[in-house]
Amino acid sequence: MVYGQDRPYPVDDPGLRVVLGHHHGFLYRDEEDHQDTLSLMGYSRYDMSYMFFYSERPGTLAARRYTDDVPEEVKKRRLDEVVKLQNRLSLESNKRDIGKTVKVVIEGDFEKKCGRLAGPQ
């Protein structure tokens, strides 16, 4: 969980979407931990996720204190499994919205691609 982001949206909105951000292959996480993550995702049915595999960043607390003990190929495999599951969950979530009219918040043009709009970041 990331706290203190001062998001201006009500949490009791019935159209609220649940989004998760997570790294895979973080230090000391074994296959059982990974399976627990997949199980939690299936139970929670996140609408969307930001997914990455862990990579050590010089100068960080983790880099100073710990050795990266998860091989990169394991991290990539785990991430691939998570991405595939999330793609299925997102498709199911999106299908539930077909034909619905919803309110959206638009703050302006999306900077990276002309012709697209962006909401709160």
PDB file of N, CA and C in Angstrom:
ATOM      1  N   MET A   1       0.835  -1.180   0.000  1.00  0.00           N
ATOM      2  CA  MET A   1       0.000   0.000   0.000  1.00  0.00           C
ATOM      3  C   MET A   1       0.881   1.245   0.000  1.00  0.00           C
ATOM      4  N   VAL A   2       0.466   2.224  -0.749  1.00  0.00           N
ATOM      5  CA  VAL A   2       1.154   3.509  -0.756  1.00  0.00           C
ATOM      6  C   VAL A   2       0.233   4.510  -0.079  1.00  0.00           C
ATOM      7  N   TYR A   3       0.716   5.108   0.996  1.00  0.00           N
ATOM      8  CA  TYR A   3      -0.103   6.041   1.758  1.00  0.00           C
ATOM      9  C   TYR A   3       0.339   7.473   1.485  1.00  0.00           C
ATOM     10  N   GLY A   4      -0.526   8.416   1.829  1.00  0.00           N
ATOM     11  CA  GLY A   4      -0.173   9.828   1.759  1.00  0.00           C
ATOM     12  C   GLY A   4      -0.161  10.403   0.368  1.00  0.00           C
ATOM     13  N   GLN A   5      -0.917   9.830  -0.571  1.00  0.00           N
ATOM     14  CA  GLN A   5      -0.922  10.358  -1.922  1.00  0.00           C
ATOM     15  C   GLN A   5      -1.961  11.458  -2.105  1.00  0.00           C
ATOM     16  N   ASP A   6      -2.777  11.692  -1.088  1.00  0.00           N
ATOM     17  CA  ASP A   6      -3.763  12.769  -1.126  1.00  0.00           C
ATOM     18  C   ASP A   6      -4.645  12.686  -2.363  1.00  0.00           C
ATOM     19  N   ARG A   7      -5.210  11.514  -2.604  1.00  0.00           N
ATOM     20  CA  ARG A   7      -6.098  11.317  -3.747  1.00  0.00           C
ATOM     21  C   ARG A   7      -7.447  11.969  -3.464  1.00  0.00           C
ATOM     22  N   PRO A   8      -7.962  12.767  -4.392  1.00  0.00           N
ATOM     23  CA  PRO A   8      -9.202  13.504  -4.148  1.00  0.00           C
ATOM     24  C   PRO A   8     -10.480  12.749  -4.493  1.00  0.00           C
ATOM     25  N   TYR A   9     -10.474  11.415  -4.488  1.00  0.00           N
ATOM     26  CA  TYR A   9     -11.662  10.663  -4.878  1.00  0.00           C
ATOM     27  C   TYR A   9     -12.293  10.023  -3.653  1.00  0.00           C
ATOM     28  N   PRO A  10     -13.614   9.922  -3.644  1.00  0.00           N
ATOM     29  CA  PRO A  10     -14.277   9.259  -2.512  1.00  0.00           C
ATOM     30  C   PRO A  10     -14.049   7.752  -2.576  1.00  0.00           C
ATOM     31  N   VAL A  11     -13.784   7.131  -1.435  1.00  0.00           N
ATOM     32  CA  VAL A  11     -13.545   5.693  -1.423  1.00  0.00           C
ATOM     33  C   VAL A  11     -14.841   4.895  -1.358  1.00  0.00           C
ATOM     34  N   ASP A  12     -15.971   5.555  -1.168  1.00  0.00           N
ATOM     35  CA  ASP A  12     -17.242   4.835  -1.119  1.00  0.00           C
ATOM     36  C   ASP A  12     -17.959   4.848  -2.465  1.00  0.00           C
ATOM     37  N   ASP A  13     -17.266   5.252  -3.513  1.00  0.00           N
ATOM     38  CA  ASP A  13     -17.831   5.285  -4.859  1.00  0.00           C
ATOM     39  C   ASP A  13     -18.103   3.856  -5.321  1.00  0.00           C
ATOM     40  N   PRO A  14     -19.354   3.527  -5.710  1.00  0.00           N
ATOM     41  CA  PRO A  14     -19.645   2.154  -6.133  1.00  0.00           C
ATOM     42  C   PRO A  14     -18.914   1.749  -7.414  1.00  0.00           C
ATOM     43  N   GLY A  15     -18.407   2.704  -8.166  1.00  0.00           N
ATOM     44  CA  GLY A  15     -17.665   2.391  -9.384  1.00  0.00           C
ATOM     45  C   GLY A  15     -16.164   2.366  -9.164  1.00  0.00           C
ATOM     46  N   LEU A  16     -15.755   2.408  -7.909  1.00  0.00           N
ATOM     47  CA  LEU A  16     -14.345   2.427  -7.576  1.00  0.00           C
ATOM     48  C   LEU A  16     -13.630   1.205  -8.142  1.00  0.00           C
ATOM     49  N   ARG A  17     -12.462   1.408  -8.736  1.00  0.00           N
ATOM     50  CA  ARG A  17     -11.664   0.333  -9.295  1.00  0.00           C
ATOM     51  C   ARG A  17     -10.458   0.093  -8.402  1.00  0.00           C
ATOM     52  N   VAL A  18     -10.097  -1.145  -8.240  1.00  0.00           N
ATOM     53  CA  VAL A  18      -8.965  -1.494  -7.401  1.00  0.00           C
ATOM     54  C   VAL A  18      -7.760  -1.744  -8.299  1.00  0.00           C
ATOM     55  N   VAL A  19      -6.681  -1.009  -8.022  1.00  0.00           N
ATOM     56  CA  VAL A  19      -5.456  -1.116  -8.815  1.00  0.00           C
ATOM     57  C   VAL A  19      -4.320  -1.466  -7.860  1.00  0.00           C
ATOM     58  N   LEU A  20      -3.448  -2.328  -8.312  1.00  0.00           N
ATOM     59  CA  LEU A  20      -2.343  -2.797  -7.498  1.00  0.00           C
ATOM     60  C   LEU A  20      -1.030  -2.503  -8.207  1.00  0.00           C
ATOM     61  N   GLY A  21      -0.029  -2.121  -7.454  1.00  0.00           N
ATOM     62  CA  GLY A  21       1.326  -1.989  -7.975  1.00  0.00           C
ATOM     63  C   GLY A  21       2.224  -2.944  -7.206  1.00  0.00           C
ATOM     64  N   HIS A  22       2.993  -3.760  -7.897  1.00  0.00           N
ATOM     65  CA  HIS A  22       3.821  -4.717  -7.183  1.00  0.00           C
ATOM     66  C   HIS A  22       5.034  -5.138  -7.992  1.00  0.00           C
ATOM     67  N   HIS A  23       6.090  -5.512  -7.243  1.00  0.00           N
ATOM     68  CA  HIS A  23       7.319  -6.042  -7.830  1.00  0.00           C
ATOM     69  C   HIS A  23       7.361  -7.533  -7.584  1.00  0.00           C
ATOM     70  N   HIS A  24       7.945  -8.269  -8.504  1.00  0.00           N
ATOM     71  CA  HIS A  24       8.062  -9.717  -8.361  1.00  0.00           C
ATOM     72  C   HIS A  24       9.514 -10.113  -8.334  1.00  0.00           C
ATOM     73  N   GLY A  25       9.808 -11.085  -7.500  1.00  0.00           N
ATOM     74  CA  GLY A  25      11.183 -11.537  -7.373  1.00  0.00           C
ATOM     75  C   GLY A  25      11.966 -10.743  -6.359  1.00  0.00           C
ATOM     76  N   PHE A  26      11.256 -10.062  -5.433  1.00  0.00           N
ATOM     77  CA  PHE A  26      11.965  -9.329  -4.391  1.00  0.00           C
ATOM     78  C   PHE A  26      12.722 -10.313  -3.519  1.00  0.00           C
ATOM     79  N   LEU A  27      13.700  -9.824  -2.843  1.00  0.00           N
ATOM     80  CA  LEU A  27      14.597 -10.627  -2.027  1.00  0.00           C
ATOM     81  C   LEU A  27      13.872 -11.608  -1.116  1.00  0.00           C
ATOM     82  N   TYR A  28      14.400 -12.799  -1.067  1.00  0.00           N
ATOM     83  CA  TYR A  28      13.943 -13.851  -0.151  1.00  0.00           C
ATOM     84  C   TYR A  28      12.513 -14.321  -0.414  1.00  0.00           C
ATOM     85  N   ARG A  29      11.922 -14.000  -1.557  1.00  0.00           N
ATOM     86  CA  ARG A  29      10.580 -14.473  -1.867  1.00  0.00           C
ATOM     87  C   ARG A  29      10.710 -15.788  -2.623  1.00  0.00           C
ATOM     88  N   ASP A  30      10.090 -16.812  -2.073  1.00  0.00           N
ATOM     89  CA  ASP A  30      10.205 -18.132  -2.703  1.00  0.00           C
ATOM     90  C   ASP A  30       8.961 -18.434  -3.533  1.00  0.00           C
ATOM     91  N   GLU A  31       8.916 -19.643  -4.056  1.00  0.00           N
ATOM     92  CA  GLU A  31       7.816 -20.030  -4.948  1.00  0.00           C
ATOM     93  C   GLU A  31       6.478 -20.030  -4.217  1.00  0.00           C
ATOM     94  N   GLU A  32       6.482 -20.398  -2.952  1.00  0.00           N
ATOM     95  CA  GLU A  32       5.239 -20.362  -2.166  1.00  0.00           C
ATOM     96  C   GLU A  32       4.710 -18.926  -2.054  1.00  0.00           C
ATOM     97  N   ASP A  33       5.615 -17.963  -1.834  1.00  0.00           N
ATOM     98  CA  ASP A  33       5.204 -16.550  -1.785  1.00  0.00           C
ATOM     99  C   ASP A  33       4.588 -16.126  -3.111  1.00  0.00           C
ATOM    100  N   HIS A  34       5.196 -16.563  -4.198  1.00  0.00           N
ATOM    101  CA  HIS A  34       4.687 -16.219  -5.528  1.00  0.00           C
ATOM    102  C   HIS A  34       3.290 -16.803  -5.735  1.00  0.00           C
ATOM    103  N   GLN A  35       3.101 -18.065  -5.352  1.00  0.00           N
ATOM    104  CA  GLN A  35       1.781 -18.690  -5.489  1.00  0.00           C
ATOM    105  C   GLN A  35       0.756 -17.981  -4.614  1.00  0.00           C
ATOM    106  N   ASP A  36       1.172 -17.505  -3.438  1.00  0.00           N
ATOM    107  CA  ASP A  36       0.285 -16.728  -2.572  1.00  0.00           C
ATOM    108  C   ASP A  36      -0.141 -15.430  -3.259  1.00  0.00           C
ATOM    109  N   THR A  37       0.782 -14.806  -3.982  1.00  0.00           N
ATOM    110  CA  THR A  37       0.463 -13.586  -4.724  1.00  0.00           C
ATOM    111  C   THR A  37      -0.588 -13.877  -5.792  1.00  0.00           C
ATOM    112  N   LEU A  38      -0.398 -14.950  -6.551  1.00  0.00           N
ATOM    113  CA  LEU A  38      -1.371 -15.320  -7.582  1.00  0.00           C
ATOM    114  C   LEU A  38      -2.735 -15.603  -6.961  1.00  0.00           C
ATOM    115  N   SER A  39      -2.735 -16.292  -5.834  1.00  0.00           N
ATOM    116  CA  SER A  39      -3.977 -16.612  -5.142  1.00  0.00           C
ATOM    117  C   SER A  39      -4.673 -15.337  -4.662  1.00  0.00           C
ATOM    118  N   LEU A  40      -3.918 -14.411  -4.100  1.00  0.00           N
ATOM    119  CA  LEU A  40      -4.482 -13.140  -3.641  1.00  0.00           C
ATOM    120  C   LEU A  40      -5.064 -12.347  -4.803  1.00  0.00           C
ATOM    121  N   MET A  41      -4.358 -12.341  -5.922  1.00  0.00           N
ATOM    122  CA  MET A  41      -4.865 -11.634  -7.104  1.00  0.00           C
ATOM    123  C   MET A  41      -6.186 -12.241  -7.560  1.00  0.00           C
ATOM    124  N   GLY A  42      -6.265 -13.580  -7.587  1.00  0.00           N
ATOM    125  CA  GLY A  42      -7.494 -14.241  -7.997  1.00  0.00           C
ATOM    126  C   GLY A  42      -8.638 -13.952  -7.041  1.00  0.00           C
ATOM    127  N   TYR A  43      -8.335 -13.891  -5.758  1.00  0.00           N
ATOM    128  CA  TYR A  43      -9.354 -13.611  -4.748  1.00  0.00           C
ATOM    129  C   TYR A  43      -9.808 -12.150  -4.812  1.00  0.00           C
ATOM    130  N   SER A  44      -8.843 -11.236  -4.934  1.00  0.00           N
ATOM    131  CA  SER A  44      -9.137  -9.798  -4.893  1.00  0.00           C
ATOM    132  C   SER A  44      -9.666  -9.271  -6.221  1.00  0.00           C
ATOM    133  N   ARG A  45      -9.306  -9.953  -7.317  1.00  0.00           N
ATOM    134  CA  ARG A  45      -9.790  -9.591  -8.643  1.00  0.00           C
ATOM    135  C   ARG A  45      -9.492  -8.123  -8.976  1.00  0.00           C
ATOM    136  N   TYR A  46      -8.230  -7.752  -8.882  1.00  0.00           N
ATOM    137  CA  TYR A  46      -7.819  -6.384  -9.191  1.00  0.00           C
ATOM    138  C   TYR A  46      -8.223  -6.021 -10.612  1.00  0.00           C
ATOM    139  N   ASP A  47      -8.705  -4.807 -10.792  1.00  0.00           N
ATOM    140  CA  ASP A  47      -9.105  -4.340 -12.111  1.00  0.00           C
ATOM    141  C   ASP A  47      -7.888  -4.076 -12.991  1.00  0.00           C
ATOM    142  N   MET A  48      -6.791  -3.664 -12.362  1.00  0.00           N
ATOM    143  CA  MET A  48      -5.578  -3.337 -13.103  1.00  0.00           C
ATOM    144  C   MET A  48      -4.394  -3.444 -12.156  1.00  0.00           C
ATOM    145  N   SER A  49      -3.237  -3.721 -12.681  1.00  0.00           N
ATOM    146  CA  SER A  49      -2.010  -3.773 -11.874  1.00  0.00           C
ATOM    147  C   SER A  49      -0.859  -3.138 -12.634  1.00  0.00           C
ATOM    148  N   TYR A  50       0.025  -2.517 -11.889  1.00  0.00           N
ATOM    149  CA  TYR A  50       1.315  -2.086 -12.416  1.00  0.00           C
ATOM    150  C   TYR A  50       2.303  -3.148 -11.951  1.00  0.00           C
ATOM    151  N   MET A  51       2.902  -3.865 -12.879  1.00  0.00           N
ATOM    152  CA  MET A  51       3.699  -5.031 -12.530  1.00  0.00           C
ATOM    153  C   MET A  51       5.120  -4.899 -13.044  1.00  0.00           C
ATOM    154  N   PHE A  52       6.066  -5.244 -12.183  1.00  0.00           N
ATOM    155  CA  PHE A  52       7.484  -5.162 -12.519  1.00  0.00           C
ATOM    156  C   PHE A  52       8.194  -6.319 -11.838  1.00  0.00           C
ATOM    157  N   PHE A  53       9.379  -6.678 -12.343  1.00  0.00           N
ATOM    158  CA  PHE A  53      10.185  -7.597 -11.544  1.00  0.00           C
ATOM    159  C   PHE A  53      11.240  -6.767 -10.831  1.00  0.00           C
ATOM    160  N   TYR A  54      11.597  -7.224  -9.641  1.00  0.00           N
ATOM    161  CA  TYR A  54      12.534  -6.492  -8.798  1.00  0.00           C
ATOM    162  C   TYR A  54      13.910  -6.449  -9.421  1.00  0.00           C
ATOM    163  N   SER A  55      14.508  -5.272  -9.380  1.00  0.00           N
ATOM    164  CA  SER A  55      15.908  -5.137  -9.770  1.00  0.00           C
ATOM    165  C   SER A  55      16.567  -4.200  -8.762  1.00  0.00           C
ATOM    166  N   GLU A  56      17.748  -4.581  -8.372  1.00  0.00           N
ATOM    167  CA  GLU A  56      18.460  -3.818  -7.353  1.00  0.00           C
ATOM    168  C   GLU A  56      18.854  -2.444  -7.880  1.00  0.00           C
ATOM    169  N   ARG A  57      18.638  -1.435  -7.053  1.00  0.00           N
ATOM    170  CA  ARG A  57      19.043  -0.070  -7.406  1.00  0.00           C
ATOM    171  C   ARG A  57      20.152   0.362  -6.461  1.00  0.00           C
ATOM    172  N   PRO A  58      21.319   0.695  -7.009  1.00  0.00           N
ATOM    173  CA  PRO A  58      22.449   1.112  -6.166  1.00  0.00           C
ATOM    174  C   PRO A  58      22.068   2.285  -5.270  1.00  0.00           C
ATOM    175  N   GLY A  59      22.557   2.240  -4.040  1.00  0.00           N
ATOM    176  CA  GLY A  59      22.328   3.332  -3.107  1.00  0.00           C
ATOM    177  C   GLY A  59      21.061   3.197  -2.281  1.00  0.00           C
ATOM    178  N   THR A  60      20.211   2.225  -2.600  1.00  0.00           N
ATOM    179  CA  THR A  60      18.981   2.045  -1.831  1.00  0.00           C
ATOM    180  C   THR A  60      19.268   1.204  -0.584  1.00  0.00           C
ATOM    181  N   LEU A  61      18.349   1.274   0.370  1.00  0.00           N
ATOM    182  CA  LEU A  61      18.482   0.502   1.592  1.00  0.00           C
ATOM    183  C   LEU A  61      18.575  -0.990   1.280  1.00  0.00           C
ATOM    184  N   ALA A  62      17.716  -1.476   0.384  1.00  0.00           N
ATOM    185  CA  ALA A  62      17.742  -2.899   0.030  1.00  0.00           C
ATOM    186  C   ALA A  62      19.099  -3.290  -0.560  1.00  0.00           C
ATOM    187  N   ALA A  63      19.666  -2.447  -1.399  1.00  0.00           N
ATOM    188  CA  ALA A  63      20.967  -2.758  -2.014  1.00  0.00           C
ATOM    189  C   ALA A  63      22.077  -2.785  -0.971  1.00  0.00           C
ATOM    190  N   ARG A  64      21.978  -1.915   0.024  1.00  0.00           N
ATOM    191  CA  ARG A  64      23.002  -1.878   1.068  1.00  0.00           C
ATOM    192  C   ARG A  64      22.877  -3.045   2.051  1.00  0.00           C
ATOM    193  N   ARG A  65      21.650  -3.485   2.302  1.00  0.00           N
ATOM    194  CA  ARG A  65      21.429  -4.491   3.344  1.00  0.00           C
ATOM    195  C   ARG A  65      21.328  -5.929   2.858  1.00  0.00           C
ATOM    196  N   TYR A  66      20.908  -6.120   1.612  1.00  0.00           N
ATOM    197  CA  TYR A  66      20.578  -7.473   1.175  1.00  0.00           C
ATOM    198  C   TYR A  66      21.265  -7.836  -0.134  1.00  0.00           C
ATOM    199  N   THR A  67      21.378  -9.128  -0.356  1.00  0.00           N
ATOM    200  CA  THR A  67      21.873  -9.644  -1.624  1.00  0.00           C
ATOM    201  C   THR A  67      20.671 -10.084  -2.447  1.00  0.00           C
ATOM    202  N   ASP A  68      20.628  -9.686  -3.697  1.00  0.00           N
ATOM    203  CA  ASP A  68      19.535 -10.086  -4.593  1.00  0.00           C
ATOM    204  C   ASP A  68      19.695 -11.575  -4.861  1.00  0.00           C
ATOM    205  N   ASP A  69      18.831 -12.394  -4.250  1.00  0.00           N
ATOM    206  CA  ASP A  69      19.005 -13.840  -4.295  1.00  0.00           C
ATOM    207  C   ASP A  69      18.023 -14.564  -5.217  1.00  0.00           C
ATOM    208  N   VAL A  70      17.247 -13.833  -5.988  1.00  0.00           N
ATOM    209  CA  VAL A  70      16.297 -14.455  -6.909  1.00  0.00           C
ATOM    210  C   VAL A  70      16.840 -14.292  -8.331  1.00  0.00           C
ATOM    211  N   PRO A  71      17.128 -15.392  -9.027  1.00  0.00           N
ATOM    212  CA  PRO A  71      17.671 -15.288 -10.391  1.00  0.00           C
ATOM    213  C   PRO A  71      16.722 -14.534 -11.326  1.00  0.00           C
ATOM    214  N   GLU A  72      17.295 -13.793 -12.256  1.00  0.00           N
ATOM    215  CA  GLU A  72      16.495 -12.985 -13.171  1.00  0.00           C
ATOM    216  C   GLU A  72      15.494 -13.817 -13.968  1.00  0.00           C
ATOM    217  N   GLU A  73      15.876 -15.025 -14.398  1.00  0.00           N
ATOM    218  CA  GLU A  73      14.940 -15.848 -15.168  1.00  0.00           C
ATOM    219  C   GLU A  73      13.725 -16.250 -14.318  1.00  0.00           C
ATOM    220  N   VAL A  74      13.918 -16.431 -13.015  1.00  0.00           N
ATOM    221  CA  VAL A  74      12.793 -16.731 -12.117  1.00  0.00           C
ATOM    222  C   VAL A  74      11.893 -15.512 -11.989  1.00  0.00           C
ATOM    223  N   LYS A  75      12.513 -14.345 -11.829  1.00  0.00           N
ATOM    224  CA  LYS A  75      11.733 -13.107 -11.741  1.00  0.00           C
ATOM    225  C   LYS A  75      10.884 -12.911 -12.996  1.00  0.00           C
ATOM    226  N   LYS A  76      11.484 -13.120 -14.150  1.00  0.00           N
ATOM    227  CA  LYS A  76      10.765 -12.928 -15.412  1.00  0.00           C
ATOM    228  C   LYS A  76       9.635 -13.936 -15.568  1.00  0.00           C
ATOM    229  N   ARG A  77       9.867 -15.188 -15.189  1.00  0.00           N
ATOM    230  CA  ARG A  77       8.808 -16.205 -15.272  1.00  0.00           C
ATOM    231  C   ARG A  77       7.641 -15.853 -14.352  1.00  0.00           C
ATOM    232  N   ARG A  78       7.960 -15.462 -13.129  1.00  0.00           N
ATOM    233  CA  ARG A  78       6.913 -15.097 -12.181  1.00  0.00           C
ATOM    234  C   ARG A  78       6.132 -13.889 -12.677  1.00  0.00           C
ATOM    235  N   LEU A  79       6.849 -12.903 -13.185  1.00  0.00           N
ATOM    236  CA  LEU A  79       6.169 -11.726 -13.711  1.00  0.00           C
ATOM    237  C   LEU A  79       5.270 -12.102 -14.876  1.00  0.00           C
ATOM    238  N   ASP A  80       5.737 -12.969 -15.754  1.00  0.00           N
ATOM    239  CA  ASP A  80       4.925 -13.412 -16.887  1.00  0.00           C
ATOM    240  C   ASP A  80       3.640 -14.078 -16.408  1.00  0.00           C
ATOM    241  N   GLU A  81       3.726 -14.911 -15.380  1.00  0.00           N
ATOM    242  CA  GLU A  81       2.536 -15.560 -14.833  1.00  0.00           C
ATOM    243  C   GLU A  81       1.557 -14.535 -14.259  1.00  0.00           C
ATOM    244  N   VAL A  82       2.098 -13.539 -13.574  1.00  0.00           N
ATOM    245  CA  VAL A  82       1.253 -12.495 -12.989  1.00  0.00           C
ATOM    246  C   VAL A  82       0.595 -11.659 -14.081  1.00  0.00           C
ATOM    247  N   VAL A  83       1.342 -11.304 -15.103  1.00  0.00           N
ATOM    248  CA  VAL A  83       0.797 -10.508 -16.210  1.00  0.00           C
ATOM    249  C   VAL A  83      -0.329 -11.261 -16.903  1.00  0.00           C
ATOM    250  N   LYS A  84      -0.129 -12.546 -17.157  1.00  0.00           N
ATOM    251  CA  LYS A  84      -1.184 -13.337 -17.811  1.00  0.00           C
ATOM    252  C   LYS A  84      -2.447 -13.398 -16.962  1.00  0.00           C
ATOM    253  N   LEU A  85      -2.283 -13.602 -15.654  1.00  0.00           N
ATOM    254  CA  LEU A  85      -3.447 -13.633 -14.773  1.00  0.00           C
ATOM    255  C   LEU A  85      -4.133 -12.269 -14.753  1.00  0.00           C
ATOM    256  N   GLN A  86      -3.350 -11.193 -14.640  1.00  0.00           N
ATOM    257  CA  GLN A  86      -3.943  -9.865 -14.590  1.00  0.00           C
ATOM    258  C   GLN A  86      -4.640  -9.521 -15.893  1.00  0.00           C
ATOM    259  N   ASN A  87      -4.090  -9.925 -17.016  1.00  0.00           N
ATOM    260  CA  ASN A  87      -4.755  -9.673 -18.298  1.00  0.00           C
ATOM    261  C   ASN A  87      -6.133 -10.326 -18.330  1.00  0.00           C
ATOM    262  N   ARG A  88      -6.225 -11.555 -17.805  1.00  0.00           N
ATOM    263  CA  ARG A  88      -7.518 -12.250 -17.755  1.00  0.00           C
ATOM    264  C   ARG A  88      -8.485 -11.529 -16.818  1.00  0.00           C
ATOM    265  N   LEU A  89      -7.995 -11.122 -15.636  1.00  0.00           N
ATOM    266  CA  LEU A  89      -8.845 -10.415 -14.674  1.00  0.00           C
ATOM    267  C   LEU A  89      -9.304  -9.068 -15.226  1.00  0.00           C
ATOM    268  N   SER A  90      -8.409  -8.346 -15.893  1.00  0.00           N
ATOM    269  CA  SER A  90      -8.768  -7.042 -16.466  1.00  0.00           C
ATOM    270  C   SER A  90      -9.803  -7.203 -17.575  1.00  0.00           C
ATOM    271  N   LEU A  91      -9.640  -8.228 -18.408  1.00  0.00           N
ATOM    272  CA  LEU A  91     -10.614  -8.474 -19.468  1.00  0.00           C
ATOM    273  C   LEU A  91     -11.988  -8.754 -18.868  1.00  0.00           C
ATOM    274  N   GLU A  92     -12.038  -9.600 -17.834  1.00  0.00           N
ATOM    275  CA  GLU A  92     -13.312  -9.886 -17.174  1.00  0.00           C
ATOM    276  C   GLU A  92     -13.928  -8.612 -16.598  1.00  0.00           C
ATOM    277  N   SER A  93     -13.119  -7.777 -15.973  1.00  0.00           N
ATOM    278  CA  SER A  93     -13.596  -6.517 -15.402  1.00  0.00           C
ATOM    279  C   SER A  93     -14.119  -5.588 -16.496  1.00  0.00           C
ATOM    280  N   ASN A  94     -13.378  -5.487 -17.589  1.00  0.00           N
ATOM    281  CA  ASN A  94     -13.784  -4.615 -18.689  1.00  0.00           C
ATOM    282  C   ASN A  94     -15.081  -5.093 -19.332  1.00  0.00           C
ATOM    283  N   LYS A  95     -15.234  -6.405 -19.454  1.00  0.00           N
ATOM    284  CA  LYS A  95     -16.464  -6.950 -20.050  1.00  0.00           C
ATOM    285  C   LYS A  95     -17.690  -6.602 -19.203  1.00  0.00           C
ATOM    286  N   ARG A  96     -17.507  -6.528 -17.885  1.00  0.00           N
ATOM    287  CA  ARG A  96     -18.635  -6.167 -17.020  1.00  0.00           C
ATOM    288  C   ARG A  96     -19.091  -4.727 -17.257  1.00  0.00           C
ATOM    289  N   ASP A  97     -18.218  -3.909 -17.833  1.00  0.00           N
ATOM    290  CA  ASP A  97     -18.551  -2.501 -18.056  1.00  0.00           C
ATOM    291  C   ASP A  97     -19.161  -2.228 -19.424  1.00  0.00           C
ATOM    292  N   ILE A  98     -19.198  -3.215 -20.278  1.00  0.00           N
ATOM    293  CA  ILE A  98     -19.764  -3.005 -21.616  1.00  0.00           C
ATOM    294  C   ILE A  98     -21.225  -2.588 -21.485  1.00  0.00           C
ATOM    295  N   GLY A  99     -21.557  -1.494 -22.161  1.00  0.00           N
ATOM    296  CA  GLY A  99     -22.921  -0.990 -22.153  1.00  0.00           C
ATOM    297  C   GLY A  99     -23.241  -0.054 -21.005  1.00  0.00           C
ATOM    298  N   LYS A 100     -22.318   0.125 -20.065  1.00  0.00           N
ATOM    299  CA  LYS A 100     -22.554   1.015 -18.925  1.00  0.00           C
ATOM    300  C   LYS A 100     -22.143   2.443 -19.267  1.00  0.00           C
ATOM    301  N   THR A 101     -22.808   3.384 -18.657  1.00  0.00           N
ATOM    302  CA  THR A 101     -22.421   4.791 -18.727  1.00  0.00           C
ATOM    303  C   THR A 101     -21.789   5.147 -17.387  1.00  0.00           C
ATOM    304  N   VAL A 102     -20.592   5.711 -17.425  1.00  0.00           N
ATOM    305  CA  VAL A 102     -19.879   6.039 -16.190  1.00  0.00           C
ATOM    306  C   VAL A 102     -19.372   7.474 -16.240  1.00  0.00           C
ATOM    307  N   LYS A 103     -19.168   8.053 -15.061  1.00  0.00           N
ATOM    308  CA  LYS A 103     -18.575   9.388 -14.958  1.00  0.00           C
ATOM    309  C   LYS A 103     -17.059   9.238 -14.985  1.00  0.00           C
ATOM    310  N   VAL A 104     -16.385  10.160 -15.648  1.00  0.00           N
ATOM    311  CA  VAL A 104     -14.926  10.153 -15.688  1.00  0.00           C
ATOM    312  C   VAL A 104     -14.410  11.534 -15.333  1.00  0.00           C
ATOM    313  N   VAL A 105     -13.176  11.594 -14.868  1.00  0.00           N
ATOM    314  CA  VAL A 105     -12.510  12.854 -14.557  1.00  0.00           C
ATOM    315  C   VAL A 105     -11.431  13.063 -15.612  1.00  0.00           C
ATOM    316  N   ILE A 106     -11.482  14.205 -16.303  1.00  0.00           N
ATOM    317  CA  ILE A 106     -10.487  14.510 -17.331  1.00  0.00           C
ATOM    318  C   ILE A 106      -9.769  15.776 -16.918  1.00  0.00           C
ATOM    319  N   GLU A 107      -8.456  15.696 -16.853  1.00  0.00           N
ATOM    320  CA  GLU A 107      -7.660  16.857 -16.477  1.00  0.00           C
ATOM    321  C   GLU A 107      -7.019  17.537 -17.663  1.00  0.00           C
ATOM    322  N   GLY A 108      -6.886  16.841 -18.787  1.00  0.00           N
ATOM    323  CA  GLY A 108      -6.257  17.458 -19.942  1.00  0.00           C
ATOM    324  C   GLY A 108      -5.777  16.427 -20.931  1.00  0.00           C
ATOM    325  N   ASP A 109      -5.007  16.903 -21.913  1.00  0.00           N
ATOM    326  CA  ASP A 109      -4.461  16.019 -22.927  1.00  0.00           C
ATOM    327  C   ASP A 109      -3.359  15.149 -22.327  1.00  0.00           C
ATOM    328  N   PHE A 110      -3.318  13.923 -22.775  1.00  0.00           N
ATOM    329  CA  PHE A 110      -2.258  13.014 -22.381  1.00  0.00           C
ATOM    330  C   PHE A 110      -1.000  13.461 -23.111  1.00  0.00           C
ATOM    331  N   GLU A 111       0.054  13.783 -22.382  1.00  0.00           N
ATOM    332  CA  GLU A 111       1.245  14.396 -22.964  1.00  0.00           C
ATOM    333  C   GLU A 111       1.963  13.531 -23.987  1.00  0.00           C
ATOM    334  N   LYS A 112       1.943  12.228 -23.826  1.00  0.00           N
ATOM    335  CA  LYS A 112       2.755  11.369 -24.682  1.00  0.00           C
ATOM    336  C   LYS A 112       2.112  11.061 -26.023  1.00  0.00           C
ATOM    337  N   LYS A 113       0.794  11.130 -26.107  1.00  0.00           N
ATOM    338  CA  LYS A 113       0.117  10.783 -27.361  1.00  0.00           C
ATOM    339  C   LYS A 113      -0.968  11.805 -27.646  1.00  0.00           C
ATOM    340  N   CYS A 114      -0.858  12.503 -28.744  1.00  0.00           N
ATOM    341  CA  CYS A 114      -1.861  13.480 -29.122  1.00  0.00           C
ATOM    342  C   CYS A 114      -3.198  12.783 -29.361  1.00  0.00           C
ATOM    343  N   GLY A 115      -4.270  13.481 -29.063  1.00  0.00           N
ATOM    344  CA  GLY A 115      -5.583  12.941 -29.316  1.00  0.00           C
ATOM    345  C   GLY A 115      -6.134  12.083 -28.202  1.00  0.00           C
ATOM    346  N   ARG A 116      -5.380  11.896 -27.122  1.00  0.00           N
ATOM    347  CA  ARG A 116      -5.853  11.107 -25.993  1.00  0.00           C
ATOM    348  C   ARG A 116      -6.013  12.030 -24.789  1.00  0.00           C
ATOM    349  N   LEU A 117      -6.890  11.671 -23.884  1.00  0.00           N
ATOM    350  CA  LEU A 117      -7.133  12.467 -22.688  1.00  0.00           C
ATOM    351  C   LEU A 117      -6.577  11.741 -21.479  1.00  0.00           C
ATOM    352  N   ALA A 118      -6.285  12.501 -20.416  1.00  0.00           N
ATOM    353  CA  ALA A 118      -5.709  11.916 -19.218  1.00  0.00           C
ATOM    354  C   ALA A 118      -6.520  12.314 -17.995  1.00  0.00           C
ATOM    355  N   GLY A 119      -6.615  11.387 -17.048  1.00  0.00           N
ATOM    356  CA  GLY A 119      -7.251  11.659 -15.779  1.00  0.00           C
ATOM    357  C   GLY A 119      -6.204  11.976 -14.728  1.00  0.00           C
ATOM    358  N   PRO A 120      -6.622  12.043 -13.454  1.00  0.00           N
ATOM    359  CA  PRO A 120      -5.689  12.373 -12.373  1.00  0.00           C
ATOM    360  C   PRO A 120      -4.568  11.348 -12.284  1.00  0.00           C
ATOM    361  N   GLN A 121      -3.377  11.795 -12.060  1.00  0.00           N
ATOM    362  CA  GLN A 121      -2.213  10.914 -11.911  1.00  0.00           C
ATOM    363  C   GLN A 121      -1.749  10.902 -10.482  1.00  0.00           C
TER     364      GLN A 121
END
